[in-house]
């Protein structure tokens, strides 16, 4: 496969990547989701009420990177300037004031009550997808919510893979009473009510991104560990592993160098679906009010707000479409990875 130097990957991996690239639906889904996630990392440069560049009285400022008090632009206080109000301020304009805004000139926390009546406001030129019940821009919150959702899901997938590979691998490699002890402990741990643990620890330590990630990862590795346990049990009886033991290789080298690389195939096929599970977990917890603290941009919170405001269907519709498209792309990727890494081949996805 072109683009991958031979000394970087094995011939088997090269062939699998080649098969994945031939699966057009999975290949393009991967690049679309990757591009969307890459753009979301620059959310402050896409949707922000702070301008990228601002000029005032012949001086240049970069409010998006640096705090600027209102007194700098003719205000009375040392609190941050209200850039939305500055745009229509007559004194600001007469003092050679100008600003270069982001493509979406409102942030996810910016509140707008300038429309007729009370929010939520319907889609308009000022708010392309409308606002929520507190006057915050839906599109800006979708973009920031996507970034948080993907960062959470990717981090959760990495942690789940680490714990699942480590614990399942140890079970399968050592076997015997070690396997029984760890397996019984895992079964007891999996019986704990996940939602109650989230509520309890959240009420004690407060709701935040890292605590929620930590709690979710403590339960998410269990399913993967079963796969790794079975793979290690199967591979450790292979002739080449017995030969490695006969040559005097240490248990660590046999574990990491002989068994682990050949046991990762089921992990790679499961990881895209673990990503889907992470997105669903965060959205569900936010919808129930046990996820990230408000006013953090969140798709689950938007769905909950849409349910409370059925007279404003654009709120729930926007979040539902964004969630559906993201999960659909991730599902296509997962199907493609499973098809490409299937040693028996099977039917090709188009």
C-alpha atoms as a PDB file:
ATOM      1  CA  UNK A   1       0.000   0.000   0.000  1.00  0.00           C
ATOM      2  CA  UNK A   2       1.406   3.351  -1.020  1.00  0.00           C
ATOM      3  CA  UNK A   3       2.154   5.909   1.678  1.00  0.00           C
ATOM      4  CA  UNK A   4       3.382   3.423   4.318  1.00  0.00           C
ATOM      5  CA  UNK A   5       7.158   2.762   4.390  1.00  0.00           C
ATOM      6  CA  UNK A   6       7.962  -0.953   4.520  1.00  0.00           C
ATOM      7  CA  UNK A   7      10.080  -0.689   7.639  1.00  0.00           C
ATOM      8  CA  UNK A   8       7.198   0.858   9.609  1.00  0.00           C
ATOM      9  CA  UNK A   9       4.619  -1.922   9.359  1.00  0.00           C
ATOM     10  CA  UNK A  10       4.525  -5.625   8.596  1.00  0.00           C
ATOM     11  CA  UNK A  11       3.246  -7.121   5.343  1.00  0.00           C
ATOM     12  CA  UNK A  12       0.163  -8.471   7.127  1.00  0.00           C
ATOM     13  CA  UNK A  13      -0.715  -5.042   8.523  1.00  0.00           C
ATOM     14  CA  UNK A  14      -0.046  -3.482   5.128  1.00  0.00           C
ATOM     15  CA  UNK A  15      -2.508  -5.870   3.533  1.00  0.00           C
ATOM     16  CA  UNK A  16      -5.136  -5.114   6.184  1.00  0.00           C
ATOM     17  CA  UNK A  17      -4.755  -1.376   5.681  1.00  0.00           C
ATOM     18  CA  UNK A  18      -5.038  -1.918   1.956  1.00  0.00           C
ATOM     19  CA  UNK A  19      -8.299  -3.831   2.481  1.00  0.00           C
ATOM     20  CA  UNK A  20      -9.609  -1.059   4.732  1.00  0.00           C
ATOM     21  CA  UNK A  21      -8.851   1.558   2.083  1.00  0.00           C
ATOM     22  CA  UNK A  22     -10.775  -0.469  -0.489  1.00  0.00           C
ATOM     23  CA  UNK A  23     -13.863  -0.295   1.713  1.00  0.00           C
ATOM     24  CA  UNK A  24     -14.905   3.102   0.428  1.00  0.00           C
ATOM     25  CA  UNK A  25     -17.734   3.739   2.872  1.00  0.00           C
ATOM     26  CA  UNK A  26     -15.492   3.079   5.879  1.00  0.00           C
ATOM     27  CA  UNK A  27     -12.513   4.901   4.356  1.00  0.00           C
ATOM     28  CA  UNK A  28     -14.413   8.102   3.633  1.00  0.00           C
ATOM     29  CA  UNK A  29     -16.250   7.936   6.957  1.00  0.00           C
ATOM     30  CA  UNK A  30     -12.871   7.789   8.694  1.00  0.00           C
ATOM     31  CA  UNK A  31     -11.606  10.884   6.932  1.00  0.00           C
ATOM     32  CA  UNK A  32     -14.839  12.840   7.394  1.00  0.00           C
ATOM     33  CA  UNK A  33     -14.921  12.102  11.122  1.00  0.00           C
ATOM     34  CA  UNK A  34     -11.205  12.821  11.475  1.00  0.00           C
ATOM     35  CA  UNK A  35     -11.531  16.145   9.623  1.00  0.00           C
ATOM     36  CA  UNK A  36     -14.538  17.162  11.730  1.00  0.00           C
ATOM     37  CA  UNK A  37     -12.692  16.325  14.929  1.00  0.00           C
ATOM     38  CA  UNK A  38      -9.593  18.183  13.752  1.00  0.00           C
ATOM     39  CA  UNK A  39     -11.650  21.296  13.015  1.00  0.00           C
ATOM     40  CA  UNK A  40     -13.417  21.038  16.370  1.00  0.00           C
ATOM     41  CA  UNK A  41     -10.057  21.286  18.142  1.00  0.00           C
ATOM     42  CA  UNK A  42      -9.943  24.845  16.819  1.00  0.00           C
ATOM     43  CA  UNK A  43     -13.464  25.667  18.020  1.00  0.00           C
ATOM     44  CA  UNK A  44     -12.390  28.974  19.631  1.00  0.00           C
ATOM     45  CA  UNK A  45     -11.229  30.141  16.187  1.00  0.00           C
ATOM     46  CA  UNK A  46     -14.532  29.108  14.601  1.00  0.00           C
ATOM     47  CA  UNK A  47     -17.201  30.196  17.101  1.00  0.00           C
ATOM     48  CA  UNK A  48     -16.354  32.879  19.635  1.00  0.00           C
ATOM     49  CA  UNK A  49     -17.747  36.182  20.845  1.00  0.00           C
ATOM     50  CA  UNK A  50     -14.175  37.420  21.192  1.00  0.00           C
ATOM     51  CA  UNK A  51     -12.827  38.845  17.916  1.00  0.00           C
ATOM     52  CA  UNK A  52      -9.683  37.422  16.360  1.00  0.00           C
ATOM     53  CA  UNK A  53      -8.157  40.884  15.874  1.00  0.00           C
ATOM     54  CA  UNK A  54      -9.339  44.239  17.182  1.00  0.00           C
ATOM     55  CA  UNK A  55      -8.134  47.718  16.405  1.00  0.00           C
ATOM     56  CA  UNK A  56      -8.747  50.722  18.665  1.00  0.00           C
ATOM     57  CA  UNK A  57      -7.141  54.176  18.567  1.00  0.00           C
ATOM     58  CA  UNK A  58      -4.407  52.952  16.251  1.00  0.00           C
ATOM     59  CA  UNK A  59      -3.449  49.946  18.403  1.00  0.00           C
ATOM     60  CA  UNK A  60      -3.934  46.257  17.568  1.00  0.00           C
ATOM     61  CA  UNK A  61      -5.244  43.723  20.079  1.00  0.00           C
ATOM     62  CA  UNK A  62      -5.831  39.972  19.957  1.00  0.00           C
ATOM     63  CA  UNK A  63      -8.739  39.415  22.380  1.00  0.00           C
ATOM     64  CA  UNK A  64      -9.144  35.768  21.448  1.00  0.00           C
ATOM     65  CA  UNK A  65      -5.750  35.035  23.001  1.00  0.00           C
ATOM     66  CA  UNK A  66      -5.454  37.741  25.674  1.00  0.00           C
ATOM     67  CA  UNK A  67      -7.773  39.196  28.281  1.00  0.00           C
ATOM     68  CA  UNK A  68      -8.674  42.806  27.573  1.00  0.00           C
ATOM     69  CA  UNK A  69     -10.548  44.920  30.172  1.00  0.00           C
ATOM     70  CA  UNK A  70     -13.454  47.090  29.117  1.00  0.00           C
ATOM     71  CA  UNK A  71     -11.517  50.189  30.214  1.00  0.00           C
ATOM     72  CA  UNK A  72      -9.102  49.627  27.311  1.00  0.00           C
ATOM     73  CA  UNK A  73     -11.900  50.412  24.867  1.00  0.00           C
ATOM     74  CA  UNK A  74     -13.521  53.298  26.700  1.00  0.00           C
ATOM     75  CA  UNK A  75     -15.438  51.322  29.314  1.00  0.00           C
ATOM     76  CA  UNK A  76     -15.602  52.108  33.025  1.00  0.00           C
ATOM     77  CA  UNK A  77     -14.647  48.767  34.563  1.00  0.00           C
ATOM     78  CA  UNK A  78     -11.684  46.393  34.571  1.00  0.00           C
ATOM     79  CA  UNK A  79     -13.848  43.389  33.769  1.00  0.00           C
ATOM     80  CA  UNK A  80     -13.597  41.800  30.351  1.00  0.00           C
ATOM     81  CA  UNK A  81     -14.962  43.857  27.505  1.00  0.00           C
ATOM     82  CA  UNK A  82     -18.356  43.003  26.078  1.00  0.00           C
ATOM     83  CA  UNK A  83     -17.362  42.622  22.443  1.00  0.00           C
ATOM     84  CA  UNK A  84     -20.916  41.975  21.286  1.00  0.00           C
ATOM     85  CA  UNK A  85     -21.928  45.379  22.689  1.00  0.00           C
ATOM     86  CA  UNK A  86     -18.809  47.053  21.285  1.00  0.00           C
ATOM     87  CA  UNK A  87     -19.798  46.212  17.712  1.00  0.00           C
ATOM     88  CA  UNK A  88     -22.657  48.697  17.846  1.00  0.00           C
ATOM     89  CA  UNK A  89     -21.016  51.174  20.238  1.00  0.00           C
ATOM     90  CA  UNK A  90     -20.869  54.648  18.676  1.00  0.00           C
ATOM     91  CA  UNK A  91     -17.907  55.811  20.786  1.00  0.00           C
ATOM     92  CA  UNK A  92     -15.929  52.708  19.823  1.00  0.00           C
ATOM     93  CA  UNK A  93     -16.518  53.365  16.115  1.00  0.00           C
ATOM     94  CA  UNK A  94     -15.578  57.040  16.330  1.00  0.00           C
ATOM     95  CA  UNK A  95     -12.221  56.102  17.914  1.00  0.00           C
ATOM     96  CA  UNK A  96     -11.144  54.097  14.856  1.00  0.00           C
ATOM     97  CA  UNK A  97     -12.502  50.921  16.377  1.00  0.00           C
ATOM     98  CA  UNK A  98     -12.798  47.828  14.219  1.00  0.00           C
ATOM     99  CA  UNK A  99     -12.748  44.076  14.762  1.00  0.00           C
ATOM    100  CA  UNK A 100     -12.270  40.899  12.749  1.00  0.00           C
ATOM    101  CA  UNK A 101     -14.609  38.261  14.111  1.00  0.00           C
ATOM    102  CA  UNK A 102     -14.616  34.485  13.896  1.00  0.00           C
ATOM    103  CA  UNK A 103     -16.872  32.873  11.236  1.00  0.00           C
ATOM    104  CA  UNK A 104     -19.515  32.354  13.929  1.00  0.00           C
ATOM    105  CA  UNK A 105     -19.318  35.493  16.002  1.00  0.00           C
ATOM    106  CA  UNK A 106     -20.875  34.087  19.166  1.00  0.00           C
ATOM    107  CA  UNK A 107     -19.515  31.628  21.703  1.00  0.00           C
ATOM    108  CA  UNK A 108     -21.211  28.621  23.281  1.00  0.00           C
ATOM    109  CA  UNK A 109     -21.887  30.579  26.483  1.00  0.00           C
ATOM    110  CA  UNK A 110     -22.919  33.863  24.848  1.00  0.00           C
ATOM    111  CA  UNK A 111     -26.472  34.847  25.751  1.00  0.00           C
ATOM    112  CA  UNK A 112     -28.642  36.828  23.349  1.00  0.00           C
ATOM    113  CA  UNK A 113     -31.959  38.390  24.436  1.00  0.00           C
ATOM    114  CA  UNK A 114     -32.221  40.806  21.509  1.00  0.00           C
ATOM    115  CA  UNK A 115     -34.951  38.867  19.699  1.00  0.00           C
ATOM    116  CA  UNK A 116     -38.660  39.351  20.069  1.00  0.00           C
ATOM    117  CA  UNK A 117     -40.086  37.788  23.200  1.00  0.00           C
ATOM    118  CA  UNK A 118     -38.253  35.250  25.290  1.00  0.00           C
ATOM    119  CA  UNK A 119     -35.821  32.625  24.020  1.00  0.00           C
ATOM    120  CA  UNK A 120     -35.549  30.090  22.506  1.00  0.00           C
ATOM    121  CA  UNK A 121     -35.361  32.045  19.248  1.00  0.00           C
ATOM    122  CA  UNK A 122     -35.963  30.417  15.881  1.00  0.00           C
ATOM    123  CA  UNK A 123     -33.157  30.091  13.296  1.00  0.00           C
ATOM    124  CA  UNK A 124     -32.186  33.427  11.767  1.00  0.00           C
ATOM    125  CA  UNK A 125     -29.248  35.227  10.166  1.00  0.00           C
ATOM    126  CA  UNK A 126     -27.842  35.972  13.619  1.00  0.00           C
ATOM    127  CA  UNK A 127     -28.277  32.367  14.805  1.00  0.00           C
ATOM    128  CA  UNK A 128     -28.294  29.920  11.908  1.00  0.00           C
ATOM    129  CA  UNK A 129     -29.720  27.037  13.972  1.00  0.00           C
ATOM    130  CA  UNK A 130     -31.554  29.194  16.492  1.00  0.00           C
ATOM    131  CA  UNK A 131     -30.912  29.478  20.221  1.00  0.00           C
ATOM    132  CA  UNK A 132     -31.723  27.352  23.242  1.00  0.00           C
ATOM    133  CA  UNK A 133     -33.998  28.295  26.121  1.00  0.00           C
ATOM    134  CA  UNK A 134     -31.365  30.614  27.643  1.00  0.00           C
ATOM    135  CA  UNK A 135     -30.506  32.424  24.405  1.00  0.00           C
ATOM    136  CA  UNK A 136     -27.278  30.535  23.612  1.00  0.00           C
ATOM    137  CA  UNK A 137     -26.400  29.825  19.990  1.00  0.00           C
ATOM    138  CA  UNK A 138     -27.201  26.212  18.989  1.00  0.00           C
ATOM    139  CA  UNK A 139     -24.537  25.943  16.267  1.00  0.00           C
ATOM    140  CA  UNK A 140     -21.757  27.161  18.552  1.00  0.00           C
ATOM    141  CA  UNK A 141     -22.793  24.703  21.248  1.00  0.00           C
ATOM    142  CA  UNK A 142     -22.932  21.873  18.708  1.00  0.00           C
ATOM    143  CA  UNK A 143     -19.355  22.538  17.616  1.00  0.00           C
ATOM    144  CA  UNK A 144     -17.971  22.781  21.137  1.00  0.00           C
ATOM    145  CA  UNK A 145     -20.100  19.844  22.253  1.00  0.00           C
ATOM    146  CA  UNK A 146     -18.680  17.700  19.446  1.00  0.00           C
ATOM    147  CA  UNK A 147     -15.138  18.479  20.561  1.00  0.00           C
ATOM    148  CA  UNK A 148     -15.878  17.562  24.179  1.00  0.00           C
ATOM    149  CA  UNK A 149     -17.784  14.441  23.143  1.00  0.00           C
ATOM    150  CA  UNK A 150     -14.984  13.166  20.910  1.00  0.00           C
ATOM    151  CA  UNK A 151     -12.231  13.965  23.416  1.00  0.00           C
ATOM    152  CA  UNK A 152     -14.168  12.101  26.093  1.00  0.00           C
ATOM    153  CA  UNK A 153     -14.883   9.102  23.857  1.00  0.00           C
ATOM    154  CA  UNK A 154     -11.304   8.846  22.544  1.00  0.00           C
ATOM    155  CA  UNK A 155      -9.807   9.160  26.031  1.00  0.00           C
ATOM    156  CA  UNK A 156     -12.271   6.607  27.360  1.00  0.00           C
ATOM    157  CA  UNK A 157     -11.461   4.184  24.534  1.00  0.00           C
ATOM    158  CA  UNK A 158      -7.729   4.441  25.244  1.00  0.00           C
ATOM    159  CA  UNK A 159      -8.230   3.817  28.974  1.00  0.00           C
ATOM    160  CA  UNK A 160     -10.603   0.925  28.344  1.00  0.00           C
ATOM    161  CA  UNK A 161      -8.139  -0.643  25.923  1.00  0.00           C
ATOM    162  CA  UNK A 162      -5.262  -0.277  28.398  1.00  0.00           C
ATOM    163  CA  UNK A 163      -7.104  -1.818  31.353  1.00  0.00           C
ATOM    164  CA  UNK A 164      -8.814  -4.465  29.225  1.00  0.00           C
ATOM    165  CA  UNK A 165      -5.573  -5.598  27.593  1.00  0.00           C
ATOM    166  CA  UNK A 166      -3.614  -5.570  30.851  1.00  0.00           C
ATOM    167  CA  UNK A 167      -6.153  -7.353  33.066  1.00  0.00           C
ATOM    168  CA  UNK A 168      -7.428  -9.770  30.420  1.00  0.00           C
ATOM    169  CA  UNK A 169      -3.901 -10.546  29.290  1.00  0.00           C
ATOM    170  CA  UNK A 170      -2.731 -11.288  32.824  1.00  0.00           C
ATOM    171  CA  UNK A 171      -5.707 -13.595  33.337  1.00  0.00           C
ATOM    172  CA  UNK A 172      -5.088 -15.550  30.157  1.00  0.00           C
ATOM    173  CA  UNK A 173      -1.329 -15.695  30.528  1.00  0.00           C
ATOM    174  CA  UNK A 174      -1.122 -16.747  34.185  1.00  0.00           C
ATOM    175  CA  UNK A 175      -4.275 -18.882  34.293  1.00  0.00           C
ATOM    176  CA  UNK A 176      -4.904 -21.082  37.321  1.00  0.00           C
ATOM    177  CA  UNK A 177      -5.996 -19.494  40.564  1.00  0.00           C
ATOM    178  CA  UNK A 178      -4.878 -16.051  39.344  1.00  0.00           C
ATOM    179  CA  UNK A 179      -7.442 -16.322  36.572  1.00  0.00           C
ATOM    180  CA  UNK A 180     -10.162 -17.480  38.955  1.00  0.00           C
ATOM    181  CA  UNK A 181      -9.418 -14.726  41.478  1.00  0.00           C
ATOM    182  CA  UNK A 182      -9.397 -11.927  38.903  1.00  0.00           C
ATOM    183  CA  UNK A 183     -12.453 -13.311  37.119  1.00  0.00           C
ATOM    184  CA  UNK A 184     -14.533 -13.504  40.311  1.00  0.00           C
ATOM    185  CA  UNK A 185     -13.417  -9.987  41.261  1.00  0.00           C
ATOM    186  CA  UNK A 186     -14.368  -8.729  37.802  1.00  0.00           C
ATOM    187  CA  UNK A 187     -17.815 -10.295  38.053  1.00  0.00           C
ATOM    188  CA  UNK A 188     -18.403  -8.681  41.439  1.00  0.00           C
ATOM    189  CA  UNK A 189     -17.203  -5.304  40.154  1.00  0.00           C
ATOM    190  CA  UNK A 190     -19.401  -5.507  37.046  1.00  0.00           C
ATOM    191  CA  UNK A 191     -22.444  -6.087  39.295  1.00  0.00           C
ATOM    192  CA  UNK A 192     -22.079  -2.608  40.834  1.00  0.00           C
ATOM    193  CA  UNK A 193     -24.700  -0.142  39.528  1.00  0.00           C
ATOM    194  CA  UNK A 194     -22.731   2.232  37.312  1.00  0.00           C
ATOM    195  CA  UNK A 195     -25.261   5.073  37.450  1.00  0.00           C
ATOM    196  CA  UNK A 196     -25.394   5.015  41.252  1.00  0.00           C
ATOM    197  CA  UNK A 197     -21.596   5.193  41.432  1.00  0.00           C
ATOM    198  CA  UNK A 198     -21.632   8.220  39.113  1.00  0.00           C
ATOM    199  CA  UNK A 199     -24.295   9.951  41.205  1.00  0.00           C
ATOM    200  CA  UNK A 200     -22.539   9.182  44.497  1.00  0.00           C
ATOM    201  CA  UNK A 201     -19.044  10.283  43.492  1.00  0.00           C
ATOM    202  CA  UNK A 202     -20.406  13.263  41.565  1.00  0.00           C
ATOM    203  CA  UNK A 203     -22.274  14.482  44.629  1.00  0.00           C
ATOM    204  CA  UNK A 204     -19.143  14.120  46.775  1.00  0.00           C
ATOM    205  CA  UNK A 205     -16.431  15.444  44.467  1.00  0.00           C
ATOM    206  CA  UNK A 206     -18.498  17.484  42.035  1.00  0.00           C
ATOM    207  CA  UNK A 207     -19.188  16.889  38.371  1.00  0.00           C
ATOM    208  CA  UNK A 208     -16.215  17.362  36.060  1.00  0.00           C
ATOM    209  CA  UNK A 209     -14.737  15.895  32.894  1.00  0.00           C
ATOM    210  CA  UNK A 210     -11.876  13.925  34.456  1.00  0.00           C
ATOM    211  CA  UNK A 211     -13.923  12.408  37.285  1.00  0.00           C
ATOM    212  CA  UNK A 212     -16.576  11.271  34.824  1.00  0.00           C
ATOM    213  CA  UNK A 213     -13.884   9.837  32.539  1.00  0.00           C
ATOM    214  CA  UNK A 214     -12.266   8.000  35.451  1.00  0.00           C
ATOM    215  CA  UNK A 215     -15.533   6.486  36.690  1.00  0.00           C
ATOM    216  CA  UNK A 216     -16.658   5.400  33.231  1.00  0.00           C
ATOM    217  CA  UNK A 217     -13.280   3.822  32.442  1.00  0.00           C
ATOM    218  CA  UNK A 218     -13.480   1.745  35.633  1.00  0.00           C
ATOM    219  CA  UNK A 219     -16.491  -0.078  34.183  1.00  0.00           C
ATOM    220  CA  UNK A 220     -15.789   0.051  30.443  1.00  0.00           C
ATOM    221  CA  UNK A 221     -12.817  -2.316  30.281  1.00  0.00           C
ATOM    222  CA  UNK A 222     -14.665  -5.430  31.454  1.00  0.00           C
ATOM    223  CA  UNK A 223     -16.026  -6.586  28.106  1.00  0.00           C
ATOM    224  CA  UNK A 224     -12.673  -6.134  26.354  1.00  0.00           C
ATOM    225  CA  UNK A 225     -10.854  -8.085  29.062  1.00  0.00           C
ATOM    226  CA  UNK A 226     -12.959 -11.174  28.236  1.00  0.00           C
ATOM    227  CA  UNK A 227     -11.740 -11.080  24.640  1.00  0.00           C
ATOM    228  CA  UNK A 228      -8.121 -10.629  25.681  1.00  0.00           C
ATOM    229  CA  UNK A 229      -8.378 -13.436  28.233  1.00  0.00           C
ATOM    230  CA  UNK A 230      -9.570 -15.823  25.550  1.00  0.00           C
ATOM    231  CA  UNK A 231      -6.916 -14.717  23.052  1.00  0.00           C
ATOM    232  CA  UNK A 232      -4.088 -15.138  25.560  1.00  0.00           C
ATOM    233  CA  UNK A 233      -5.378 -18.556  26.554  1.00  0.00           C
ATOM    234  CA  UNK A 234      -5.369 -19.612  22.908  1.00  0.00           C
ATOM    235  CA  UNK A 235      -2.071 -18.083  21.842  1.00  0.00           C
ATOM    236  CA  UNK A 236       0.031 -19.104  24.852  1.00  0.00           C
ATOM    237  CA  UNK A 237      -0.348 -22.759  23.799  1.00  0.00           C
ATOM    238  CA  UNK A 238       0.965 -22.064  20.292  1.00  0.00           C
ATOM    239  CA  UNK A 239       4.237 -23.806  19.260  1.00  0.00           C
ATOM    240  CA  UNK A 240       6.164 -20.546  18.810  1.00  0.00           C
ATOM    241  CA  UNK A 241       5.320 -19.466  22.364  1.00  0.00           C
ATOM    242  CA  UNK A 242       6.501 -22.818  23.705  1.00  0.00           C
ATOM    243  CA  UNK A 243       9.686 -22.408  21.678  1.00  0.00           C
ATOM    244  CA  UNK A 244      10.209 -18.959  23.194  1.00  0.00           C
ATOM    245  CA  UNK A 245       9.913 -20.455  26.678  1.00  0.00           C
ATOM    246  CA  UNK A 246      12.393 -23.200  25.743  1.00  0.00           C
ATOM    247  CA  UNK A 247      14.870 -20.555  24.590  1.00  0.00           C
ATOM    248  CA  UNK A 248      14.702 -18.959  28.033  1.00  0.00           C
ATOM    249  CA  UNK A 249      12.805 -15.743  27.217  1.00  0.00           C
ATOM    250  CA  UNK A 250      11.469 -13.987  30.296  1.00  0.00           C
ATOM    251  CA  UNK A 251       7.700 -14.018  30.981  1.00  0.00           C
ATOM    252  CA  UNK A 252       7.614 -10.260  30.324  1.00  0.00           C
ATOM    253  CA  UNK A 253       9.162 -10.649  26.843  1.00  0.00           C
ATOM    254  CA  UNK A 254       6.870 -13.536  26.005  1.00  0.00           C
ATOM    255  CA  UNK A 255       3.842 -11.523  27.178  1.00  0.00           C
ATOM    256  CA  UNK A 256       4.711  -8.303  25.320  1.00  0.00           C
ATOM    257  CA  UNK A 257       6.711  -9.601  22.372  1.00  0.00           C
ATOM    258  CA  UNK A 258       5.225 -12.969  21.458  1.00  0.00           C
ATOM    259  CA  UNK A 259       1.603 -13.052  22.593  1.00  0.00           C
ATOM    260  CA  UNK A 260       0.378  -9.460  22.802  1.00  0.00           C
ATOM    261  CA  UNK A 261       1.037  -8.397  19.161  1.00  0.00           C
ATOM    262  CA  UNK A 262      -0.900 -11.427  17.917  1.00  0.00           C
ATOM    263  CA  UNK A 263      -3.756 -10.895  20.368  1.00  0.00           C
ATOM    264  CA  UNK A 264      -4.559  -7.318  19.347  1.00  0.00           C
ATOM    265  CA  UNK A 265      -6.745  -8.129  16.344  1.00  0.00           C
ATOM    266  CA  UNK A 266      -9.971  -8.384  18.372  1.00  0.00           C
ATOM    267  CA  UNK A 267      -9.031  -5.171  20.177  1.00  0.00           C
ATOM    268  CA  UNK A 268      -8.691  -3.222  16.939  1.00  0.00           C
ATOM    269  CA  UNK A 269     -12.063  -4.436  15.709  1.00  0.00           C
ATOM    270  CA  UNK A 270     -13.756  -3.515  18.989  1.00  0.00           C
ATOM    271  CA  UNK A 271     -12.233  -0.053  19.514  1.00  0.00           C
ATOM    272  CA  UNK A 272     -14.447   1.837  17.001  1.00  0.00           C
ATOM    273  CA  UNK A 273     -17.516   0.432  18.746  1.00  0.00           C
ATOM    274  CA  UNK A 274     -16.002   1.366  22.113  1.00  0.00           C
ATOM    275  CA  UNK A 275     -15.785   4.910  20.731  1.00  0.00           C
ATOM    276  CA  UNK A 276     -19.494   4.756  19.926  1.00  0.00           C
ATOM    277  CA  UNK A 277     -20.172   3.562  23.455  1.00  0.00           C
ATOM    278  CA  UNK A 278     -18.203   6.481  24.898  1.00  0.00           C
ATOM    279  CA  UNK A 279     -20.206   9.006  22.872  1.00  0.00           C
ATOM    280  CA  UNK A 280     -23.457   7.374  23.940  1.00  0.00           C
ATOM    281  CA  UNK A 281     -22.416   7.194  27.591  1.00  0.00           C
ATOM    282  CA  UNK A 282     -21.548  10.889  27.828  1.00  0.00           C
ATOM    283  CA  UNK A 283     -24.673  11.963  25.952  1.00  0.00           C
ATOM    284  CA  UNK A 284     -26.905   9.791  28.151  1.00  0.00           C
ATOM    285  CA  UNK A 285     -25.372  11.027  31.400  1.00  0.00           C
ATOM    286  CA  UNK A 286     -25.644  14.644  30.284  1.00  0.00           C
ATOM    287  CA  UNK A 287     -29.261  14.088  29.250  1.00  0.00           C
ATOM    288  CA  UNK A 288     -30.038  12.737  32.726  1.00  0.00           C
ATOM    289  CA  UNK A 289     -28.165  15.599  34.413  1.00  0.00           C
ATOM    290  CA  UNK A 290     -25.368  13.438  35.878  1.00  0.00           C
ATOM    291  CA  UNK A 291     -22.695  14.216  33.311  1.00  0.00           C
ATOM    292  CA  UNK A 292     -20.683  17.382  32.770  1.00  0.00           C
ATOM    293  CA  UNK A 293     -21.606  20.406  34.885  1.00  0.00           C
ATOM    294  CA  UNK A 294     -23.597  23.241  33.295  1.00  0.00           C
ATOM    295  CA  UNK A 295     -23.081  25.397  31.330  1.00  0.00           C
ATOM    296  CA  UNK A 296     -20.636  23.032  29.556  1.00  0.00           C
ATOM    297  CA  UNK A 297     -21.688  22.617  25.895  1.00  0.00           C
ATOM    298  CA  UNK A 298     -23.160  19.143  25.654  1.00  0.00           C
ATOM    299  CA  UNK A 299     -25.334  17.298  23.174  1.00  0.00           C
ATOM    300  CA  UNK A 300     -27.095  15.465  25.989  1.00  0.00           C
ATOM    301  CA  UNK A 301     -27.961  18.746  27.688  1.00  0.00           C
ATOM    302  CA  UNK A 302     -29.261  20.088  24.369  1.00  0.00           C
ATOM    303  CA  UNK A 303     -31.497  17.034  23.960  1.00  0.00           C
ATOM    304  CA  UNK A 304     -32.809  17.549  27.480  1.00  0.00           C
ATOM    305  CA  UNK A 305     -33.427  21.240  26.758  1.00  0.00           C
ATOM    306  CA  UNK A 306     -35.211  20.314  23.551  1.00  0.00           C
ATOM    307  CA  UNK A 307     -37.458  17.906  25.455  1.00  0.00           C
ATOM    308  CA  UNK A 308     -38.411  20.705  27.845  1.00  0.00           C
ATOM    309  CA  UNK A 309     -39.110  23.073  24.947  1.00  0.00           C
ATOM    310  CA  UNK A 310     -41.080  21.087  22.391  1.00  0.00           C
ATOM    311  CA  UNK A 311     -42.351  24.351  20.936  1.00  0.00           C
ATOM    312  CA  UNK A 312     -38.778  24.922  19.683  1.00  0.00           C
ATOM    313  CA  UNK A 313     -38.086  21.747  17.664  1.00  0.00           C
ATOM    314  CA  UNK A 314     -34.804  23.089  16.262  1.00  0.00           C
ATOM    315  CA  UNK A 315     -33.048  22.455  19.593  1.00  0.00           C
ATOM    316  CA  UNK A 316     -33.610  18.701  19.791  1.00  0.00           C
ATOM    317  CA  UNK A 317     -33.498  18.291  16.000  1.00  0.00           C
ATOM    318  CA  UNK A 318     -30.024  19.844  15.694  1.00  0.00           C
ATOM    319  CA  UNK A 319     -28.553  17.721  18.481  1.00  0.00           C
ATOM    320  CA  UNK A 320     -30.252  14.566  17.199  1.00  0.00           C
ATOM    321  CA  UNK A 321     -28.932  15.006  13.665  1.00  0.00           C
ATOM    322  CA  UNK A 322     -25.406  15.749  14.913  1.00  0.00           C
ATOM    323  CA  UNK A 323     -25.450  12.684  17.166  1.00  0.00           C
ATOM    324  CA  UNK A 324     -26.913  10.462  14.445  1.00  0.00           C
ATOM    325  CA  UNK A 325     -24.344  11.476  11.824  1.00  0.00           C
ATOM    326  CA  UNK A 326     -21.434  11.045  14.246  1.00  0.00           C
ATOM    327  CA  UNK A 327     -22.557   7.593  15.378  1.00  0.00           C
ATOM    328  CA  UNK A 328     -23.281   6.569  11.786  1.00  0.00           C
ATOM    329  CA  UNK A 329     -19.773   7.518  10.645  1.00  0.00           C
ATOM    330  CA  UNK A 330     -18.219   5.719  13.607  1.00  0.00           C
ATOM    331  CA  UNK A 331     -20.312   2.623  12.856  1.00  0.00           C
ATOM    332  CA  UNK A 332     -19.160   2.589   9.231  1.00  0.00           C
ATOM    333  CA  UNK A 333     -15.553   2.828  10.434  1.00  0.00           C
ATOM    334  CA  UNK A 334     -16.067  -0.012  12.888  1.00  0.00           C
ATOM    335  CA  UNK A 335     -17.611  -2.226  10.219  1.00  0.00           C
ATOM    336  CA  UNK A 336     -14.717  -1.446   7.897  1.00  0.00           C
ATOM    337  CA  UNK A 337     -12.072  -2.240  10.494  1.00  0.00           C
ATOM    338  CA  UNK A 338     -13.787  -5.509  11.357  1.00  0.00           C
ATOM    339  CA  UNK A 339     -14.014  -6.438   7.677  1.00  0.00           C
ATOM    340  CA  UNK A 340     -10.394  -5.501   6.942  1.00  0.00           C
ATOM    341  CA  UNK A 341      -8.965  -7.350   9.945  1.00  0.00           C
ATOM    342  CA  UNK A 342     -11.132 -10.445   9.480  1.00  0.00           C
ATOM    343  CA  UNK A 343      -8.626 -13.216   8.665  1.00  0.00           C
ATOM    344  CA  UNK A 344     -11.320 -15.182   6.835  1.00  0.00           C
ATOM    345  CA  UNK A 345     -11.979 -12.324   4.443  1.00  0.00           C
ATOM    346  CA  UNK A 346     -15.726 -12.267   4.029  1.00  0.00           C
ATOM    347  CA  UNK A 347     -17.900  -9.969   1.965  1.00  0.00           C
ATOM    348  CA  UNK A 348     -16.610  -6.529   1.162  1.00  0.00           C
ATOM    349  CA  UNK A 349     -18.453  -3.404   2.183  1.00  0.00           C
ATOM    350  CA  UNK A 350     -19.119  -0.909  -0.548  1.00  0.00           C
END
